[in-house]
């Protein structure tokens, strides 16, 4: 699998094409990188909870993966609250 191609498709918002190149999240052969990239796709589609779940599963498989950083950043974003503004 060419992960760089998938990353480029995600960057270009060709999310369906990127998703087609990755195994299903339920597949026993899904690696931490696969789950991380599926999480990025979910995040871009606006499915924040699904993305965080996928990042968590990827982190469980490989604690040193980039999914750990993505999960922490997602938690910070989702935890943002400002009393004077509506939560974006």
PDB file of N, CA and C in Angstrom:
ATOM      1  N   UNK A   1       0.836  -1.179   0.000  1.00  0.00           N
ATOM      2  CA  UNK A   1       0.000   0.000   0.000  1.00  0.00           C
ATOM      3  C   UNK A   1       0.882   1.244   0.000  1.00  0.00           C
ATOM      4  N   UNK A   2       0.476   2.204  -0.778  1.00  0.00           N
ATOM      5  CA  UNK A   2       1.225   3.450  -0.874  1.00  0.00           C
ATOM      6  C   UNK A   2       0.531   4.504  -0.002  1.00  0.00           C
ATOM      7  N   UNK A   3       1.046   4.667   1.222  1.00  0.00           N
ATOM      8  CA  UNK A   3       0.429   5.606   2.152  1.00  0.00           C
ATOM      9  C   UNK A   3       0.578   7.047   1.693  1.00  0.00           C
ATOM     10  N   UNK A   4       1.641   7.355   0.977  1.00  0.00           N
ATOM     11  CA  UNK A   4       1.829   8.729   0.494  1.00  0.00           C
ATOM     12  C   UNK A   4       0.718   9.108  -0.488  1.00  0.00           C
ATOM     13  N   UNK A   5       0.314   8.159  -1.302  1.00  0.00           N
ATOM     14  CA  UNK A   5      -0.790   8.413  -2.240  1.00  0.00           C
ATOM     15  C   UNK A   5      -2.086   8.698  -1.474  1.00  0.00           C
ATOM     16  N   UNK A   6      -2.334   7.921  -0.416  1.00  0.00           N
ATOM     17  CA  UNK A   6      -3.529   8.121   0.395  1.00  0.00           C
ATOM     18  C   UNK A   6      -3.473   9.487   1.068  1.00  0.00           C
ATOM     19  N   UNK A   7      -2.317   9.843   1.616  1.00  0.00           N
ATOM     20  CA  UNK A   7      -2.158  11.148   2.270  1.00  0.00           C
ATOM     21  C   UNK A   7      -2.412  12.289   1.283  1.00  0.00           C
ATOM     22  N   UNK A   8      -1.927  12.138   0.058  1.00  0.00           N
ATOM     23  CA  UNK A   8      -2.126  13.168  -0.967  1.00  0.00           C
ATOM     24  C   UNK A   8      -3.606  13.288  -1.328  1.00  0.00           C
ATOM     25  N   UNK A   9      -4.291  12.165  -1.438  1.00  0.00           N
ATOM     26  CA  UNK A   9      -5.719  12.193  -1.740  1.00  0.00           C
ATOM     27  C   UNK A   9      -6.505  12.879  -0.619  1.00  0.00           C
ATOM     28  N   UNK A  10      -6.114  12.608   0.630  1.00  0.00           N
ATOM     29  CA  UNK A  10      -6.778  13.260   1.758  1.00  0.00           C
ATOM     30  C   UNK A  10      -6.531  14.762   1.700  1.00  0.00           C
ATOM     31  N   UNK A  11      -5.302  15.136   1.411  1.00  0.00           N
ATOM     32  CA  UNK A  11      -4.952  16.557   1.317  1.00  0.00           C
ATOM     33  C   UNK A  11      -5.770  17.255   0.232  1.00  0.00           C
ATOM     34  N   UNK A  12      -6.040  16.548  -0.855  1.00  0.00           N
ATOM     35  CA  UNK A  12      -6.810  17.095  -1.974  1.00  0.00           C
ATOM     36  C   UNK A  12      -8.319  16.953  -1.770  1.00  0.00           C
ATOM     37  N   UNK A  13      -8.745  16.450  -0.620  1.00  0.00           N
ATOM     38  CA  UNK A  13     -10.152  16.211  -0.292  1.00  0.00           C
ATOM     39  C   UNK A  13     -10.816  15.181  -1.197  1.00  0.00           C
ATOM     40  N   UNK A  14     -10.030  14.275  -1.747  1.00  0.00           N
ATOM     41  CA  UNK A  14     -10.568  13.144  -2.496  1.00  0.00           C
ATOM     42  C   UNK A  14     -10.760  12.002  -1.501  1.00  0.00           C
ATOM     43  N   UNK A  15     -11.701  12.214  -0.586  1.00  0.00           N
ATOM     44  CA  UNK A  15     -11.838  11.323   0.558  1.00  0.00           C
ATOM     45  C   UNK A  15     -12.364   9.944   0.180  1.00  0.00           C
ATOM     46  N   UNK A  16     -13.272   9.875  -0.764  1.00  0.00           N
ATOM     47  CA  UNK A  16     -13.790   8.573  -1.191  1.00  0.00           C
ATOM     48  C   UNK A  16     -12.693   7.737  -1.841  1.00  0.00           C
ATOM     49  N   UNK A  17     -11.876   8.363  -2.663  1.00  0.00           N
ATOM     50  CA  UNK A  17     -10.784   7.653  -3.322  1.00  0.00           C
ATOM     51  C   UNK A  17      -9.757   7.180  -2.296  1.00  0.00           C
ATOM     52  N   UNK A  18      -9.467   8.016  -1.321  1.00  0.00           N
ATOM     53  CA  UNK A  18      -8.507   7.648  -0.281  1.00  0.00           C
ATOM     54  C   UNK A  18      -9.049   6.488   0.544  1.00  0.00           C
ATOM     55  N   UNK A  19     -10.307   6.558   0.893  1.00  0.00           N
ATOM     56  CA  UNK A  19     -10.934   5.505   1.692  1.00  0.00           C
ATOM     57  C   UNK A  19     -10.958   4.173   0.955  1.00  0.00           C
ATOM     58  N   UNK A  20     -11.125   4.223  -0.360  1.00  0.00           N
ATOM     59  CA  UNK A  20     -11.165   3.004  -1.156  1.00  0.00           C
ATOM     60  C   UNK A  20      -9.824   2.270  -1.161  1.00  0.00           C
ATOM     61  N   UNK A  21      -8.739   2.996  -0.931  1.00  0.00           N
ATOM     62  CA  UNK A  21      -7.411   2.386  -0.926  1.00  0.00           C
ATOM     63  C   UNK A  21      -7.047   1.753   0.422  1.00  0.00           C
ATOM     64  N   UNK A  22      -7.838   2.039   1.444  1.00  0.00           N
ATOM     65  CA  UNK A  22      -7.538   1.545   2.789  1.00  0.00           C
ATOM     66  C   UNK A  22      -8.470   0.389   3.148  1.00  0.00           C
ATOM     67  N   UNK A  23      -8.004  -0.515   4.012  1.00  0.00           N
ATOM     68  CA  UNK A  23      -8.908  -1.579   4.481  1.00  0.00           C
ATOM     69  C   UNK A  23      -9.963  -0.985   5.410  1.00  0.00           C
ATOM     70  N   UNK A  24     -11.016  -1.713   5.610  1.00  0.00           N
ATOM     71  CA  UNK A  24     -12.068  -1.293   6.523  1.00  0.00           C
ATOM     72  C   UNK A  24     -11.513  -1.195   7.940  1.00  0.00           C
ATOM     73  N   UNK A  25     -12.075  -0.315   8.737  1.00  0.00           N
ATOM     74  CA  UNK A  25     -11.633  -0.169  10.129  1.00  0.00           C
ATOM     75  C   UNK A  25     -11.887  -1.446  10.922  1.00  0.00           C
ATOM     76  N   UNK A  26     -12.855  -2.240  10.492  1.00  0.00           N
ATOM     77  CA  UNK A  26     -13.182  -3.493  11.173  1.00  0.00           C
ATOM     78  C   UNK A  26     -12.340  -4.662  10.701  1.00  0.00           C
ATOM     79  N   UNK A  27     -11.535  -4.440   9.691  1.00  0.00           N
ATOM     80  CA  UNK A  27     -10.702  -5.508   9.148  1.00  0.00           C
ATOM     81  C   UNK A  27      -9.610  -5.899  10.145  1.00  0.00           C
ATOM     82  N   UNK A  28      -9.409  -7.196  10.358  1.00  0.00           N
ATOM     83  CA  UNK A  28      -8.337  -7.617  11.278  1.00  0.00           C
ATOM     84  C   UNK A  28      -6.945  -7.269  10.759  1.00  0.00           C
ATOM     85  N   UNK A  29      -6.842  -6.972   9.480  1.00  0.00           N
ATOM     86  CA  UNK A  29      -5.536  -6.637   8.906  1.00  0.00           C
ATOM     87  C   UNK A  29      -5.237  -5.141   8.967  1.00  0.00           C
ATOM     88  N   UNK A  30      -6.154  -4.335   9.512  1.00  0.00           N
ATOM     89  CA  UNK A  30      -5.953  -2.885   9.582  1.00  0.00           C
ATOM     90  C   UNK A  30      -4.822  -2.565  10.554  1.00  0.00           C
ATOM     91  N   UNK A  31      -3.852  -1.809  10.068  1.00  0.00           N
ATOM     92  CA  UNK A  31      -2.711  -1.419  10.889  1.00  0.00           C
ATOM     93  C   UNK A  31      -2.998  -0.089  11.582  1.00  0.00           C
ATOM     94  N   UNK A  32      -2.091   0.307  12.460  1.00  0.00           N
ATOM     95  CA  UNK A  32      -2.230   1.590  13.140  1.00  0.00           C
ATOM     96  C   UNK A  32      -2.253   2.734  12.126  1.00  0.00           C
ATOM     97  N   UNK A  33      -1.438   2.636  11.090  1.00  0.00           N
ATOM     98  CA  UNK A  33      -1.409   3.681  10.064  1.00  0.00           C
ATOM     99  C   UNK A  33      -2.730   3.719   9.299  1.00  0.00           C
ATOM    100  N   UNK A  34      -3.282   2.545   8.990  1.00  0.00           N
ATOM    101  CA  UNK A  34      -4.579   2.495   8.312  1.00  0.00           C
ATOM    102  C   UNK A  34      -5.650   3.183   9.159  1.00  0.00           C
ATOM    103  N   UNK A  35      -5.690   2.854  10.446  1.00  0.00           N
ATOM    104  CA  UNK A  35      -6.696   3.436  11.331  1.00  0.00           C
ATOM    105  C   UNK A  35      -6.502   4.942  11.481  1.00  0.00           C
ATOM    106  N   UNK A  36      -5.245   5.374  11.556  1.00  0.00           N
ATOM    107  CA  UNK A  36      -4.965   6.809  11.639  1.00  0.00           C
ATOM    108  C   UNK A  36      -5.482   7.535  10.399  1.00  0.00           C
ATOM    109  N   UNK A  37      -5.189   6.986   9.226  1.00  0.00           N
ATOM    110  CA  UNK A  37      -5.625   7.636   7.985  1.00  0.00           C
ATOM    111  C   UNK A  37      -7.147   7.610   7.850  1.00  0.00           C
ATOM    112  N   UNK A  38      -7.783   6.524   8.272  1.00  0.00           N
ATOM    113  CA  UNK A  38      -9.247   6.485   8.283  1.00  0.00           C
ATOM    114  C   UNK A  38      -9.795   7.535   9.250  1.00  0.00           C
ATOM    115  N   UNK A  39      -9.079   7.759  10.347  1.00  0.00           N
ATOM    116  CA  UNK A  39      -9.461   8.808  11.285  1.00  0.00           C
ATOM    117  C   UNK A  39      -9.354  10.186  10.673  1.00  0.00           C
ATOM    118  N   UNK A  40      -8.307  10.420   9.909  1.00  0.00           N
ATOM    119  CA  UNK A  40      -8.165  11.719   9.230  1.00  0.00           C
ATOM    120  C   UNK A  40      -9.307  11.942   8.250  1.00  0.00           C
ATOM    121  N   UNK A  41      -9.684  10.888   7.543  1.00  0.00           N
ATOM    122  CA  UNK A  41     -10.804  10.991   6.607  1.00  0.00           C
ATOM    123  C   UNK A  41     -12.092  11.322   7.380  1.00  0.00           C
ATOM    124  N   UNK A  42     -12.324  10.607   8.474  1.00  0.00           N
ATOM    125  CA  UNK A  42     -13.523  10.855   9.285  1.00  0.00           C
ATOM    126  C   UNK A  42     -13.539  12.284   9.810  1.00  0.00           C
ATOM    127  N   UNK A  43     -12.385  12.786  10.252  1.00  0.00           N
ATOM    128  CA  UNK A  43     -12.310  14.161  10.778  1.00  0.00           C
ATOM    129  C   UNK A  43     -12.674  15.169   9.694  1.00  0.00           C
ATOM    130  N   UNK A  44     -12.140  14.962   8.496  1.00  0.00           N
ATOM    131  CA  UNK A  44     -12.431  15.892   7.398  1.00  0.00           C
ATOM    132  C   UNK A  44     -13.897  15.817   6.969  1.00  0.00           C
ATOM    133  N   UNK A  45     -14.516  14.666   7.168  1.00  0.00           N
ATOM    134  CA  UNK A  45     -15.935  14.522   6.843  1.00  0.00           C
ATOM    135  C   UNK A  45     -16.842  15.070   7.941  1.00  0.00           C
ATOM    136  N   UNK A  46     -16.231  15.524   9.031  1.00  0.00           N
ATOM    137  CA  UNK A  46     -17.014  16.090  10.121  1.00  0.00           C
ATOM    138  C   UNK A  46     -17.451  15.079  11.163  1.00  0.00           C
ATOM    139  N   UNK A  47     -16.983  13.865  11.043  1.00  0.00           N
ATOM    140  CA  UNK A  47     -17.329  12.817  12.011  1.00  0.00           C
ATOM    141  C   UNK A  47     -16.243  12.777  13.094  1.00  0.00           C
ATOM    142  N   UNK A  48     -16.261  13.784  13.956  1.00  0.00           N
ATOM    143  CA  UNK A  48     -15.197  13.977  14.948  1.00  0.00           C
ATOM    144  C   UNK A  48     -15.101  12.816  15.937  1.00  0.00           C
ATOM    145  N   UNK A  49     -16.242  12.327  16.424  1.00  0.00           N
ATOM    146  CA  UNK A  49     -16.232  11.235  17.390  1.00  0.00           C
ATOM    147  C   UNK A  49     -15.654   9.970  16.780  1.00  0.00           C
ATOM    148  N   UNK A  50     -16.042   9.672  15.554  1.00  0.00           N
ATOM    149  CA  UNK A  50     -15.495   8.493  14.865  1.00  0.00           C
ATOM    150  C   UNK A  50     -13.989   8.638  14.682  1.00  0.00           C
ATOM    151  N   UNK A  51     -13.558   9.836  14.326  1.00  0.00           N
ATOM    152  CA  UNK A  51     -12.132  10.081  14.123  1.00  0.00           C
ATOM    153  C   UNK A  51     -11.359   9.843  15.414  1.00  0.00           C
ATOM    154  N   UNK A  52     -11.872  10.365  16.521  1.00  0.00           N
ATOM    155  CA  UNK A  52     -11.178  10.182  17.793  1.00  0.00           C
ATOM    156  C   UNK A  52     -11.145   8.715  18.209  1.00  0.00           C
ATOM    157  N   UNK A  53     -12.192   7.996  17.905  1.00  0.00           N
ATOM    158  CA  UNK A  53     -12.225   6.560  18.192  1.00  0.00           C
ATOM    159  C   UNK A  53     -11.166   5.818  17.374  1.00  0.00           C
ATOM    160  N   UNK A  54     -11.061   6.169  16.098  1.00  0.00           N
ATOM    161  CA  UNK A  54     -10.055   5.542  15.241  1.00  0.00           C
ATOM    162  C   UNK A  54      -8.643   5.909  15.686  1.00  0.00           C
ATOM    163  N   UNK A  55      -8.431   7.164  16.082  1.00  0.00           N
ATOM    164  CA  UNK A  55      -7.124   7.567  16.599  1.00  0.00           C
ATOM    165  C   UNK A  55      -6.783   6.767  17.858  1.00  0.00           C
ATOM    166  N   UNK A  56      -7.773   6.566  18.719  1.00  0.00           N
ATOM    167  CA  UNK A  56      -7.556   5.795  19.943  1.00  0.00           C
ATOM    168  C   UNK A  56      -7.199   4.348  19.654  1.00  0.00           C
ATOM    169  N   UNK A  57      -7.888   3.748  18.701  1.00  0.00           N
ATOM    170  CA  UNK A  57      -7.572   2.360  18.318  1.00  0.00           C
ATOM    171  C   UNK A  57      -6.182   2.259  17.721  1.00  0.00           C
ATOM    172  N   UNK A  58      -5.805   3.241  16.909  1.00  0.00           N
ATOM    173  CA  UNK A  58      -4.468   3.241  16.310  1.00  0.00           C
ATOM    174  C   UNK A  58      -3.404   3.407  17.385  1.00  0.00           C
ATOM    175  N   UNK A  59      -3.670   4.270  18.347  1.00  0.00           N
ATOM    176  CA  UNK A  59      -2.723   4.488  19.440  1.00  0.00           C
ATOM    177  C   UNK A  59      -2.568   3.232  20.290  1.00  0.00           C
ATOM    178  N   UNK A  60      -3.649   2.487  20.468  1.00  0.00           N
ATOM    179  CA  UNK A  60      -3.574   1.241  21.223  1.00  0.00           C
ATOM    180  C   UNK A  60      -2.677   0.226  20.514  1.00  0.00           C
ATOM    181  N   UNK A  61      -2.707   0.229  19.186  1.00  0.00           N
ATOM    182  CA  UNK A  61      -1.856  -0.693  18.421  1.00  0.00           C
ATOM    183  C   UNK A  61      -0.402  -0.241  18.409  1.00  0.00           C
ATOM    184  N   UNK A  62      -0.194   1.068  18.314  1.00  0.00           N
ATOM    185  CA  UNK A  62       1.156   1.627  18.255  1.00  0.00           C
ATOM    186  C   UNK A  62       1.180   2.963  18.996  1.00  0.00           C
ATOM    187  N   UNK A  63       1.585   2.940  20.279  1.00  0.00           N
ATOM    188  CA  UNK A  63       1.569   4.165  21.073  1.00  0.00           C
ATOM    189  C   UNK A  63       2.474   5.277  20.541  1.00  0.00           C
ATOM    190  N   UNK A  64       3.443   4.940  19.704  1.00  0.00           N
ATOM    191  CA  UNK A  64       4.353   5.943  19.163  1.00  0.00           C
ATOM    192  C   UNK A  64       3.931   6.458  17.793  1.00  0.00           C
ATOM    193  N   UNK A  65       2.765   6.050  17.324  1.00  0.00           N
ATOM    194  CA  UNK A  65       2.320   6.469  15.994  1.00  0.00           C
ATOM    195  C   UNK A  65       1.856   7.915  16.014  1.00  0.00           C
ATOM    196  N   UNK A  66       1.697   8.475  14.828  1.00  0.00           N
ATOM    197  CA  UNK A  66       1.224   9.857  14.724  1.00  0.00           C
ATOM    198  C   UNK A  66      -0.225   9.990  15.170  1.00  0.00           C
ATOM    199  N   UNK A  67      -0.901   8.854  15.339  1.00  0.00           N
ATOM    200  CA  UNK A  67      -2.281   8.892  15.829  1.00  0.00           C
ATOM    201  C   UNK A  67      -2.341   9.396  17.261  1.00  0.00           C
ATOM    202  N   UNK A  68      -1.305   9.141  18.056  1.00  0.00           N
ATOM    203  CA  UNK A  68      -1.282   9.614  19.443  1.00  0.00           C
ATOM    204  C   UNK A  68      -1.296  11.140  19.478  1.00  0.00           C
ATOM    205  N   UNK A  69      -0.525  11.751  18.610  1.00  0.00           N
ATOM    206  CA  UNK A  69      -0.501  13.216  18.520  1.00  0.00           C
ATOM    207  C   UNK A  69      -1.847  13.741  18.020  1.00  0.00           C
ATOM    208  N   UNK A  70      -2.410  13.072  17.018  1.00  0.00           N
ATOM    209  CA  UNK A  70      -3.702  13.487  16.466  1.00  0.00           C
ATOM    210  C   UNK A  70      -4.797  13.373  17.519  1.00  0.00           C
ATOM    211  N   UNK A  71      -4.752  12.319  18.328  1.00  0.00           N
ATOM    212  CA  UNK A  71      -5.757  12.137  19.380  1.00  0.00           C
ATOM    213  C   UNK A  71      -5.654  13.256  20.413  1.00  0.00           C
ATOM    214  N   UNK A  72      -4.449  13.585  20.820  1.00  0.00           N
ATOM    215  CA  UNK A  72      -4.266  14.660  21.793  1.00  0.00           C
ATOM    216  C   UNK A  72      -4.749  15.998  21.224  1.00  0.00           C
ATOM    217  N   UNK A  73      -4.433  16.280  19.973  1.00  0.00           N
ATOM    218  CA  UNK A  73      -4.878  17.526  19.345  1.00  0.00           C
ATOM    219  C   UNK A  73      -6.399  17.557  19.226  1.00  0.00           C
ATOM    220  N   UNK A  74      -7.001  16.425  18.894  1.00  0.00           N
ATOM    221  CA  UNK A  74      -8.462  16.359  18.779  1.00  0.00           C
ATOM    222  C   UNK A  74      -9.113  16.619  20.133  1.00  0.00           C
ATOM    223  N   UNK A  75      -8.527  16.076  21.192  1.00  0.00           N
ATOM    224  CA  UNK A  75      -9.072  16.306  22.532  1.00  0.00           C
ATOM    225  C   UNK A  75      -8.993  17.781  22.915  1.00  0.00           C
ATOM    226  N   UNK A  76      -7.914  18.437  22.554  1.00  0.00           N
ATOM    227  CA  UNK A  76      -7.768  19.861  22.848  1.00  0.00           C
ATOM    228  C   UNK A  76      -8.824  20.658  22.079  1.00  0.00           C
ATOM    229  N   UNK A  77      -8.986  20.335  20.813  1.00  0.00           N
ATOM    230  CA  UNK A  77      -9.975  21.044  19.987  1.00  0.00           C
ATOM    231  C   UNK A  77     -11.382  20.828  20.529  1.00  0.00           C
ATOM    232  N   UNK A  78     -11.713  19.584  20.853  1.00  0.00           N
ATOM    233  CA  UNK A  78     -13.063  19.279  21.337  1.00  0.00           C
ATOM    234  C   UNK A  78     -13.298  19.830  22.745  1.00  0.00           C
ATOM    235  N   UNK A  79     -12.237  20.055  23.489  1.00  0.00           N
ATOM    236  CA  UNK A  79     -12.375  20.577  24.840  1.00  0.00           C
ATOM    237  C   UNK A  79     -12.395  22.088  24.911  1.00  0.00           C
ATOM    238  N   UNK A  80     -12.262  22.753  23.773  1.00  0.00           N
ATOM    239  CA  UNK A  80     -12.236  24.208  23.767  1.00  0.00           C
ATOM    240  C   UNK A  80     -13.589  24.769  24.169  1.00  0.00           C
ATOM    241  N   UNK A  81     -13.548  25.712  25.050  1.00  0.00           N
ATOM    242  CA  UNK A  81     -14.776  26.404  25.436  1.00  0.00           C
ATOM    243  C   UNK A  81     -14.397  27.814  25.881  1.00  0.00           C
ATOM    244  N   UNK A  82     -15.099  28.773  25.358  1.00  0.00           N
ATOM    245  CA  UNK A  82     -14.877  30.160  25.747  1.00  0.00           C
ATOM    246  C   UNK A  82     -16.220  30.731  26.143  1.00  0.00           C
ATOM    247  N   UNK A  83     -16.305  31.262  27.359  1.00  0.00           N
ATOM    248  CA  UNK A  83     -17.572  31.751  27.880  1.00  0.00           C
ATOM    249  C   UNK A  83     -18.183  32.873  27.052  1.00  0.00           C
ATOM    250  N   UNK A  84     -17.356  33.664  26.414  1.00  0.00           N
ATOM    251  CA  UNK A  84     -17.862  34.816  25.663  1.00  0.00           C
ATOM    252  C   UNK A  84     -18.205  34.490  24.216  1.00  0.00           C
ATOM    253  N   UNK A  85     -17.859  33.305  23.792  1.00  0.00           N
ATOM    254  CA  UNK A  85     -18.118  32.898  22.405  1.00  0.00           C
ATOM    255  C   UNK A  85     -18.855  31.571  22.396  1.00  0.00           C
ATOM    256  N   UNK A  86     -19.592  31.352  21.354  1.00  0.00           N
ATOM    257  CA  UNK A  86     -20.157  30.019  21.166  1.00  0.00           C
ATOM    258  C   UNK A  86     -19.042  29.083  20.761  1.00  0.00           C
ATOM    259  N   UNK A  87     -19.142  27.845  21.189  1.00  0.00           N
ATOM    260  CA  UNK A  87     -18.125  26.866  20.850  1.00  0.00           C
ATOM    261  C   UNK A  87     -18.186  26.592  19.352  1.00  0.00           C
ATOM    262  N   UNK A  88     -17.112  26.879  18.626  1.00  0.00           N
ATOM    263  CA  UNK A  88     -17.142  26.735  17.162  1.00  0.00           C
ATOM    264  C   UNK A  88     -17.254  25.306  16.697  1.00  0.00           C
TER     265      UNK A  88
END
